[in-house]
Amino acid sequence: MNQPLINNPSNPILRSVITGAIASAVASSTINMRKVKNQEITTSEAVRETVKRSSQGAIATGAAVATANYLSQNGGLLKAMTTISVGIAGVYALEVLDDKLKKNCEQNSCEDTTLIAKEQ
């Protein structure tokens, strides 16, 4: 019988990605809730920032665990360097994407409205 993907002990990297996403979501959502409460950012900015940071945490944690696993293998240095490079590129890509979305939104005068309000 097939084992579930998340609870599969032979796939520790996926479990680490999920753990990193959860830990990052807890931390960033707590920080962003305080910022919303202090009226430093809007709710939609808080959600966007939390999703971005959670995704980056998942990538970073998965890459770190995979890198450590490869470093413990004989001759795994090249795999480790490749893995950490992919992790760095993933985190950087999310930053660039977020910056481009923010600039696009500023140019098009994006407002914090819901889809229902836009349709009316």
Protein backbone atom coordinates (compact mmCIF):
# COMPACT_ATOMS: atom_id res chain seq x y z
CA MET A 1 0.00 0.00 0.00
CA ASN A 2 1.24 3.51 -0.79
CA GLN A 3 2.37 5.67 2.10
CA PRO A 4 1.09 9.25 2.35
CA LEU A 5 3.44 11.80 0.86
CA ILE A 6 3.79 14.00 3.96
CA ASN A 7 4.18 11.26 6.59
CA ASN A 8 6.55 9.21 4.49
CA PRO A 9 9.73 8.79 6.57
CA SER A 10 11.73 8.25 3.39
CA ASN A 11 10.99 11.85 2.31
CA PRO A 12 12.43 14.07 5.07
CA ILE A 13 13.04 17.00 2.73
CA LEU A 14 9.33 17.41 1.95
CA ARG A 15 8.56 17.28 5.65
CA SER A 16 11.18 19.99 6.18
CA VAL A 17 9.64 22.17 3.48
CA ILE A 18 6.26 21.89 5.16
CA THR A 19 7.77 22.57 8.59
CA GLY A 20 9.57 25.63 7.24
CA ALA A 21 6.38 26.94 5.66
CA ILE A 22 4.43 26.52 8.90
CA ALA A 23 7.13 28.07 11.09
CA SER A 24 7.54 31.01 8.72
CA ALA A 25 3.78 31.49 8.50
CA VAL A 26 3.47 31.59 12.29
CA ALA A 27 6.29 34.12 12.63
CA SER A 28 5.36 36.39 9.73
CA SER A 29 1.64 36.37 10.45
CA THR A 30 2.29 37.36 14.06
CA ILE A 31 4.55 40.22 12.99
CA ASN A 32 2.12 41.36 10.31
CA MET A 33 -0.89 41.19 12.66
CA ARG A 34 0.89 43.65 14.93
CA LYS A 35 1.65 45.92 11.97
CA VAL A 36 -2.00 45.88 10.88
CA LYS A 37 -3.12 46.59 14.44
CA ASN A 38 -0.71 49.57 14.58
CA GLN A 39 -1.99 50.67 11.15
CA GLU A 40 1.49 50.41 9.62
CA ILE A 41 0.26 48.22 6.74
CA THR A 42 -3.10 47.17 5.27
CA THR A 43 -4.63 43.75 5.64
CA SER A 44 -3.92 42.86 2.01
CA GLU A 45 -0.27 43.89 2.42
CA ALA A 46 -0.06 41.70 5.52
CA VAL A 47 -1.50 38.71 3.66
CA ARG A 48 0.86 39.22 0.69
CA GLU A 49 3.87 39.57 2.99
CA THR A 50 2.88 36.49 5.03
CA VAL A 51 2.45 34.34 1.92
CA LYS A 52 5.79 35.54 0.55
CA ARG A 53 7.68 34.93 3.79
CA SER A 54 6.03 31.53 4.29
CA SER A 55 7.05 30.46 0.79
CA GLN A 56 10.58 31.71 1.32
CA GLY A 57 10.78 29.87 4.64
CA ALA A 58 9.65 26.66 2.99
CA ILE A 59 12.27 26.99 0.25
CA ALA A 60 15.05 27.92 2.66
CA THR A 61 14.29 25.12 5.12
CA GLY A 62 13.98 22.48 2.41
CA ALA A 63 17.23 23.61 0.81
CA ALA A 64 19.03 23.67 4.16
CA VAL A 65 17.95 20.15 5.10
CA ALA A 66 18.75 18.77 1.66
CA THR A 67 22.14 20.49 1.71
CA ALA A 68 22.94 19.02 5.13
CA ASN A 69 21.90 15.58 3.91
CA TYR A 70 24.14 15.84 0.86
CA LEU A 71 27.09 17.09 2.93
CA SER A 72 26.86 13.95 5.08
CA GLN A 73 27.22 11.77 1.98
CA ASN A 74 30.56 10.75 0.56
CA GLY A 75 31.18 12.98 -2.47
CA GLY A 76 28.03 15.02 -1.88
CA LEU A 77 29.68 18.45 -1.92
CA LEU A 78 28.64 19.27 -5.49
CA LYS A 79 25.05 18.19 -4.78
CA ALA A 80 25.06 20.29 -1.62
CA MET A 81 26.35 23.38 -3.42
CA THR A 82 23.78 22.92 -6.17
CA THR A 83 20.96 22.49 -3.68
CA ILE A 84 21.83 25.57 -1.65
CA SER A 85 22.19 27.57 -4.88
CA VAL A 86 18.71 26.51 -5.98
CA GLY A 87 17.37 27.49 -2.56
CA ILE A 88 19.00 30.92 -2.75
CA ALA A 89 17.66 31.41 -6.28
CA GLY A 90 14.15 30.45 -5.15
CA VAL A 91 14.11 32.93 -2.27
CA TYR A 92 15.55 35.64 -4.53
CA ALA A 93 12.99 34.90 -7.25
CA LEU A 94 10.14 35.45 -4.80
CA GLU A 95 11.66 38.82 -3.80
CA VAL A 96 11.97 39.90 -7.43
CA LEU A 97 8.45 38.73 -8.24
CA ASP A 98 7.04 40.60 -5.25
CA ASP A 99 8.89 43.79 -6.24
CA LYS A 100 7.57 43.57 -9.80
CA LEU A 101 4.01 42.99 -8.58
CA LYS A 102 4.28 46.00 -6.25
CA LYS A 103 5.59 48.24 -9.06
CA ASN A 104 2.87 47.04 -11.41
CA CYS A 105 0.26 47.71 -8.77
CA GLU A 106 1.61 51.22 -8.11
CA GLN A 107 1.59 52.04 -11.82
CA ASN A 108 -1.97 50.81 -12.24
CA SER A 109 -3.27 52.45 -9.04
CA CYS A 110 -4.27 49.20 -7.35
CA GLU A 111 -6.70 49.66 -4.52
CA ASP A 112 -7.66 47.43 -1.64
CA THR A 113 -11.01 46.37 -2.99
CA THR A 114 -12.69 43.03 -3.16
CA LEU A 115 -13.71 41.27 -6.34
CA ILE A 116 -17.36 41.86 -5.47
CA ALA A 117 -16.78 45.61 -5.19
CA LYS A 118 -14.96 45.64 -8.53
CA GLU A 119 -17.83 43.89 -10.29
CA GLN A 120 -20.46 46.33 -9.06
